[in-house]
Amino acid sequence: MSESFLLNFTPQETRVALLQNGVVQELHVERTSSHGLVSNIYLGRVVRVLPGMQSAFIDVGLERTAFLHVADIWEESRNGQDSRPIERILSEGQSLLVQVLKDPIGTKGARLSTQISIAGRLLVFLPQDNHIGISQRIGDETARERLRARIQSLVGDEKGGFIVRTVAEEASNEELSADIA
């Protein structure tokens, strides 16, 4: 069976077709106008802090400033204590690494978080965290601990944490190492 891909790219859209024996099996179209921003990571600048709303507006280079609520500031939520007021955490002009949680809608800008996560096929990388989490869908406790130990041995002393996805349960060490890299 012969397989081939056909690609067509214009400034407005990208089209990809998978052909098997000359017959289209899959067709994917991505339009620039509908391309989402969720999971994009930006280095933003705090434009305005709103103490009354416990939020801030962040300029990340989009048409509208994006919105960051105090509950989405990772440094404050990770220590388990009551969060400080946003005006004590952020100040106007401050640079901040953020990730888009929700696309802009209508007159509202994108919703942001400072907790960065980078999804792979088998693992989710958490650069600001150092723990290894296992998907809740992997119910067998011995399998969970075995996976945790495998990931820990592959990661070694590297900084950052991982969430092991369900699909990684049967993955080889080579596949897991590739995803870590």
C-alpha atoms as a PDB file:
ATOM      1  CA  MET A   1       0.000   0.000   0.000  1.00  0.00           C
ATOM      2  CA  SER A   2       1.454   3.380  -0.970  1.00  0.00           C
ATOM      3  CA  GLU A   3       0.877   6.394   1.238  1.00  0.00           C
ATOM      4  CA  SER A   4       1.548  10.014   0.407  1.00  0.00           C
ATOM      5  CA  PHE A   5       0.724  13.467   1.713  1.00  0.00           C
ATOM      6  CA  LEU A   6      -0.427  16.451  -0.286  1.00  0.00           C
ATOM      7  CA  LEU A   7       0.159  19.890   1.237  1.00  0.00           C
ATOM      8  CA  ASN A   8      -1.274  23.204   0.109  1.00  0.00           C
ATOM      9  CA  PHE A   9      -0.351  26.378   1.946  1.00  0.00           C
ATOM     10  CA  THR A  10      -1.719  29.887   1.456  1.00  0.00           C
ATOM     11  CA  PRO A  11      -1.607  32.867   3.839  1.00  0.00           C
ATOM     12  CA  GLN A  12      -5.272  32.208   4.709  1.00  0.00           C
ATOM     13  CA  GLU A  13      -5.208  28.422   5.239  1.00  0.00           C
ATOM     14  CA  THR A  14      -3.197  25.207   5.190  1.00  0.00           C
ATOM     15  CA  ARG A  15      -4.613  21.994   3.727  1.00  0.00           C
ATOM     16  CA  VAL A  16      -3.131  18.521   4.270  1.00  0.00           C
ATOM     17  CA  ALA A  17      -4.446  15.338   2.637  1.00  0.00           C
ATOM     18  CA  LEU A  18      -3.374  11.748   3.350  1.00  0.00           C
ATOM     19  CA  LEU A  19      -3.649   9.516   0.299  1.00  0.00           C
ATOM     20  CA  GLN A  20      -3.513   5.717   0.290  1.00  0.00           C
ATOM     21  CA  ASN A  21      -3.228   4.147  -3.153  1.00  0.00           C
ATOM     22  CA  GLY A  22      -4.230   7.489  -4.670  1.00  0.00           C
ATOM     23  CA  VAL A  23      -7.457   7.791  -2.616  1.00  0.00           C
ATOM     24  CA  VAL A  24      -7.914  10.547  -0.036  1.00  0.00           C
ATOM     25  CA  GLN A  25      -8.218   8.994   3.433  1.00  0.00           C
ATOM     26  CA  GLU A  26      -7.953  12.127   5.601  1.00  0.00           C
ATOM     27  CA  LEU A  27      -8.242  15.839   4.921  1.00  0.00           C
ATOM     28  CA  HIS A  28      -7.265  18.529   7.435  1.00  0.00           C
ATOM     29  CA  VAL A  29      -7.848  22.240   6.897  1.00  0.00           C
ATOM     30  CA  GLU A  30      -6.565  24.909   9.277  1.00  0.00           C
ATOM     31  CA  ARG A  31      -7.591  28.493   8.693  1.00  0.00           C
ATOM     32  CA  THR A  32      -5.451  31.337   9.984  1.00  0.00           C
ATOM     33  CA  SER A  33      -8.535  33.220  11.171  1.00  0.00           C
ATOM     34  CA  SER A  34      -9.666  30.330  13.368  1.00  0.00           C
ATOM     35  CA  HIS A  35      -6.269  29.320  14.697  1.00  0.00           C
ATOM     36  CA  GLY A  36      -6.516  29.287  18.484  1.00  0.00           C
ATOM     37  CA  LEU A  37      -4.020  30.701  20.945  1.00  0.00           C
ATOM     38  CA  VAL A  38      -4.625  28.240  23.802  1.00  0.00           C
ATOM     39  CA  SER A  39      -1.341  26.851  25.194  1.00  0.00           C
ATOM     40  CA  ASN A  40       0.769  29.531  23.483  1.00  0.00           C
ATOM     41  CA  ILE A  41       3.479  30.894  25.784  1.00  0.00           C
ATOM     42  CA  TYR A  42       4.376  34.595  25.802  1.00  0.00           C
ATOM     43  CA  LEU A  43       6.678  36.949  27.632  1.00  0.00           C
ATOM     44  CA  GLY A  44       4.171  39.622  28.569  1.00  0.00           C
ATOM     45  CA  ARG A  45       4.329  43.019  30.239  1.00  0.00           C
ATOM     46  CA  VAL A  46       1.922  44.071  32.988  1.00  0.00           C
ATOM     47  CA  VAL A  47      -0.065  47.044  31.666  1.00  0.00           C
ATOM     48  CA  ARG A  48      -2.506  47.558  34.520  1.00  0.00           C
ATOM     49  CA  VAL A  49      -3.143  46.016  37.924  1.00  0.00           C
ATOM     50  CA  LEU A  50      -6.725  46.088  39.205  1.00  0.00           C
ATOM     51  CA  PRO A  51      -6.767  45.498  42.986  1.00  0.00           C
ATOM     52  CA  GLY A  52     -10.583  45.591  43.164  1.00  0.00           C
ATOM     53  CA  MET A  53     -10.877  42.678  40.719  1.00  0.00           C
ATOM     54  CA  GLN A  54      -7.682  40.947  41.937  1.00  0.00           C
ATOM     55  CA  SER A  55      -6.536  40.791  38.317  1.00  0.00           C
ATOM     56  CA  ALA A  56      -4.189  42.386  35.838  1.00  0.00           C
ATOM     57  CA  PHE A  57      -4.080  43.138  32.138  1.00  0.00           C
ATOM     58  CA  ILE A  58      -0.998  41.828  30.340  1.00  0.00           C
ATOM     59  CA  ASP A  59       0.288  42.928  26.934  1.00  0.00           C
ATOM     60  CA  VAL A  60       1.425  39.837  25.014  1.00  0.00           C
ATOM     61  CA  GLY A  61       1.399  41.425  21.544  1.00  0.00           C
ATOM     62  CA  LEU A  62      -2.185  40.593  20.600  1.00  0.00           C
ATOM     63  CA  GLU A  63      -4.894  43.052  19.501  1.00  0.00           C
ATOM     64  CA  ARG A  64      -6.229  43.271  23.059  1.00  0.00           C
ATOM     65  CA  THR A  65      -4.493  43.014  26.386  1.00  0.00           C
ATOM     66  CA  ALA A  66      -4.915  39.623  28.033  1.00  0.00           C
ATOM     67  CA  PHE A  67      -6.439  38.961  31.459  1.00  0.00           C
ATOM     68  CA  LEU A  68      -4.649  37.367  34.439  1.00  0.00           C
ATOM     69  CA  HIS A  69      -6.525  36.634  37.686  1.00  0.00           C
ATOM     70  CA  VAL A  70      -4.640  36.261  40.980  1.00  0.00           C
ATOM     71  CA  ALA A  71      -5.823  32.616  41.226  1.00  0.00           C
ATOM     72  CA  ASP A  72      -3.919  31.871  38.002  1.00  0.00           C
ATOM     73  CA  ILE A  73      -0.589  33.116  39.352  1.00  0.00           C
ATOM     74  CA  TRP A  74       1.336  29.902  39.987  1.00  0.00           C
ATOM     75  CA  GLU A  75       3.833  31.209  42.540  1.00  0.00           C
ATOM     76  CA  GLU A  76       1.000  32.094  44.868  1.00  0.00           C
ATOM     77  CA  SER A  77      -1.120  28.978  44.447  1.00  0.00           C
ATOM     78  CA  ARG A  78       1.674  26.435  44.900  1.00  0.00           C
ATOM     79  CA  ASN A  79       2.568  27.184  48.531  1.00  0.00           C
ATOM     80  CA  GLY A  80      -0.859  26.284  49.939  1.00  0.00           C
ATOM     81  CA  GLN A  81      -1.205  29.551  51.863  1.00  0.00           C
ATOM     82  CA  ASP A  82      -3.745  32.270  51.270  1.00  0.00           C
ATOM     83  CA  SER A  83      -2.625  34.276  48.279  1.00  0.00           C
ATOM     84  CA  ARG A  84      -1.375  37.792  48.701  1.00  0.00           C
ATOM     85  CA  PRO A  85      -3.247  40.662  47.044  1.00  0.00           C
ATOM     86  CA  ILE A  86      -2.345  41.021  43.386  1.00  0.00           C
ATOM     87  CA  GLU A  87      -0.933  44.515  43.918  1.00  0.00           C
ATOM     88  CA  ARG A  88       1.796  42.958  46.089  1.00  0.00           C
ATOM     89  CA  ILE A  89       2.634  40.342  43.456  1.00  0.00           C
ATOM     90  CA  LEU A  90       2.581  42.368  40.224  1.00  0.00           C
ATOM     91  CA  SER A  91       3.464  45.904  39.276  1.00  0.00           C
ATOM     92  CA  GLU A  92       2.944  47.874  36.086  1.00  0.00           C
ATOM     93  CA  GLY A  93       5.774  47.414  33.590  1.00  0.00           C
ATOM     94  CA  GLN A  94       6.852  44.061  35.065  1.00  0.00           C
ATOM     95  CA  SER A  95       7.739  41.251  32.603  1.00  0.00           C
ATOM     96  CA  LEU A  96       5.974  37.957  33.120  1.00  0.00           C
ATOM     97  CA  LEU A  97       6.044  34.547  31.401  1.00  0.00           C
ATOM     98  CA  VAL A  98       2.432  33.489  30.741  1.00  0.00           C
ATOM     99  CA  GLN A  99       0.451  30.808  28.918  1.00  0.00           C
ATOM    100  CA  VAL A 100      -2.941  31.260  27.258  1.00  0.00           C
ATOM    101  CA  LEU A 101      -5.752  29.309  28.974  1.00  0.00           C
ATOM    102  CA  LYS A 102      -8.671  30.654  26.962  1.00  0.00           C
ATOM    103  CA  ASP A 103      -8.881  32.343  23.553  1.00  0.00           C
ATOM    104  CA  PRO A 104     -10.094  35.943  23.261  1.00  0.00           C
ATOM    105  CA  ILE A 105     -13.848  36.236  22.689  1.00  0.00           C
ATOM    106  CA  GLY A 106     -15.599  39.328  21.387  1.00  0.00           C
ATOM    107  CA  THR A 107     -14.349  42.337  23.337  1.00  0.00           C
ATOM    108  CA  LYS A 108     -12.558  40.255  25.984  1.00  0.00           C
ATOM    109  CA  GLY A 109      -8.865  39.459  25.758  1.00  0.00           C
ATOM    110  CA  ALA A 110      -7.291  36.051  26.258  1.00  0.00           C
ATOM    111  CA  ARG A 111      -7.250  34.447  29.734  1.00  0.00           C
ATOM    112  CA  LEU A 112      -3.744  33.737  31.045  1.00  0.00           C
ATOM    113  CA  SER A 113      -1.915  31.689  33.656  1.00  0.00           C
ATOM    114  CA  THR A 114       1.661  31.786  34.913  1.00  0.00           C
ATOM    115  CA  GLN A 115       1.682  27.990  35.390  1.00  0.00           C
ATOM    116  CA  ILE A 116       3.368  26.760  32.222  1.00  0.00           C
ATOM    117  CA  SER A 117       2.721  23.253  30.868  1.00  0.00           C
ATOM    118  CA  ILE A 118       3.988  21.772  27.610  1.00  0.00           C
ATOM    119  CA  ALA A 119       2.038  18.754  26.367  1.00  0.00           C
ATOM    120  CA  GLY A 120       3.784  15.913  24.594  1.00  0.00           C
ATOM    121  CA  ARG A 121       2.391  12.658  23.242  1.00  0.00           C
ATOM    122  CA  LEU A 122       3.198  10.640  26.396  1.00  0.00           C
ATOM    123  CA  LEU A 123       4.042  13.263  29.024  1.00  0.00           C
ATOM    124  CA  VAL A 124       3.133  16.788  30.049  1.00  0.00           C
ATOM    125  CA  PHE A 125       6.198  18.832  31.064  1.00  0.00           C
ATOM    126  CA  LEU A 126       5.821  21.238  34.014  1.00  0.00           C
ATOM    127  CA  PRO A 127       8.997  23.385  34.017  1.00  0.00           C
ATOM    128  CA  GLN A 128       8.145  25.155  37.313  1.00  0.00           C
ATOM    129  CA  ASP A 129       7.298  21.996  39.252  1.00  0.00           C
ATOM    130  CA  ASN A 130       9.466  19.077  40.399  1.00  0.00           C
ATOM    131  CA  HIS A 131       6.949  16.300  41.043  1.00  0.00           C
ATOM    132  CA  ILE A 132       5.934  13.392  38.823  1.00  0.00           C
ATOM    133  CA  GLY A 133       2.194  12.861  38.546  1.00  0.00           C
ATOM    134  CA  ILE A 134       0.427   9.870  37.018  1.00  0.00           C
ATOM    135  CA  SER A 135      -2.852   9.925  35.095  1.00  0.00           C
ATOM    136  CA  GLN A 136      -5.801   9.036  37.307  1.00  0.00           C
ATOM    137  CA  ARG A 137      -6.986   6.639  34.600  1.00  0.00           C
ATOM    138  CA  ILE A 138      -4.095   4.343  35.510  1.00  0.00           C
ATOM    139  CA  GLY A 139      -5.817   2.745  38.492  1.00  0.00           C
ATOM    140  CA  ASP A 140      -3.381  -0.043  39.449  1.00  0.00           C
ATOM    141  CA  GLU A 141      -1.220   1.370  42.252  1.00  0.00           C
ATOM    142  CA  THR A 142       1.775  -0.889  41.449  1.00  0.00           C
ATOM    143  CA  ALA A 143       1.667   0.209  37.793  1.00  0.00           C
ATOM    144  CA  ARG A 144       1.537   3.846  38.934  1.00  0.00           C
ATOM    145  CA  GLU A 145       4.580   3.437  41.190  1.00  0.00           C
ATOM    146  CA  ARG A 146       6.482   1.516  38.493  1.00  0.00           C
ATOM    147  CA  LEU A 147       5.793   4.318  35.982  1.00  0.00           C
ATOM    148  CA  ARG A 148       6.809   6.968  38.507  1.00  0.00           C
ATOM    149  CA  ALA A 149      10.118   5.157  39.160  1.00  0.00           C
ATOM    150  CA  ARG A 150      10.793   4.743  35.416  1.00  0.00           C
ATOM    151  CA  ILE A 151      10.225   8.427  34.733  1.00  0.00           C
ATOM    152  CA  GLN A 152      12.345   9.451  37.736  1.00  0.00           C
ATOM    153  CA  SER A 153      15.254   7.302  36.504  1.00  0.00           C
ATOM    154  CA  LEU A 154      14.955   8.756  32.977  1.00  0.00           C
ATOM    155  CA  VAL A 155      14.722  12.354  34.202  1.00  0.00           C
ATOM    156  CA  GLY A 156      17.549  12.124  36.749  1.00  0.00           C
ATOM    157  CA  ASP A 157      18.533  15.475  38.258  1.00  0.00           C
ATOM    158  CA  GLU A 158      16.924  17.611  35.545  1.00  0.00           C
ATOM    159  CA  LYS A 159      14.688  20.449  36.714  1.00  0.00           C
ATOM    160  CA  GLY A 160      10.970  20.311  36.077  1.00  0.00           C
ATOM    161  CA  GLY A 161       8.179  17.850  36.633  1.00  0.00           C
ATOM    162  CA  PHE A 162       6.008  15.628  34.486  1.00  0.00           C
ATOM    163  CA  ILE A 163       2.490  14.275  34.316  1.00  0.00           C
ATOM    164  CA  VAL A 164       2.432  10.793  32.814  1.00  0.00           C
ATOM    165  CA  ARG A 165      -0.467  10.357  30.392  1.00  0.00           C
ATOM    166  CA  THR A 166      -2.492   7.140  30.176  1.00  0.00           C
ATOM    167  CA  VAL A 167      -1.042   6.289  26.749  1.00  0.00           C
ATOM    168  CA  ALA A 168       2.455   6.124  28.329  1.00  0.00           C
ATOM    169  CA  GLU A 169       1.554   3.055  30.375  1.00  0.00           C
ATOM    170  CA  GLU A 170       2.812   0.691  27.636  1.00  0.00           C
ATOM    171  CA  ALA A 171       5.558   2.979  26.231  1.00  0.00           C
ATOM    172  CA  SER A 172       9.193   1.911  26.033  1.00  0.00           C
ATOM    173  CA  ASN A 173      12.008   3.765  27.796  1.00  0.00           C
ATOM    174  CA  GLU A 174      13.182   5.036  24.386  1.00  0.00           C
ATOM    175  CA  GLU A 175       9.775   6.540  23.657  1.00  0.00           C
ATOM    176  CA  LEU A 176       9.600   8.114  27.102  1.00  0.00           C
ATOM    177  CA  SER A 177      13.156   9.508  26.757  1.00  0.00           C
ATOM    178  CA  ALA A 178      12.251  11.027  23.389  1.00  0.00           C
ATOM    179  CA  ASP A 179       9.218  12.742  24.915  1.00  0.00           C
ATOM    180  CA  ILE A 180      11.318  14.021  27.838  1.00  0.00           C
ATOM    181  CA  ALA A 181      13.893  15.422  25.413  1.00  0.00           C
END
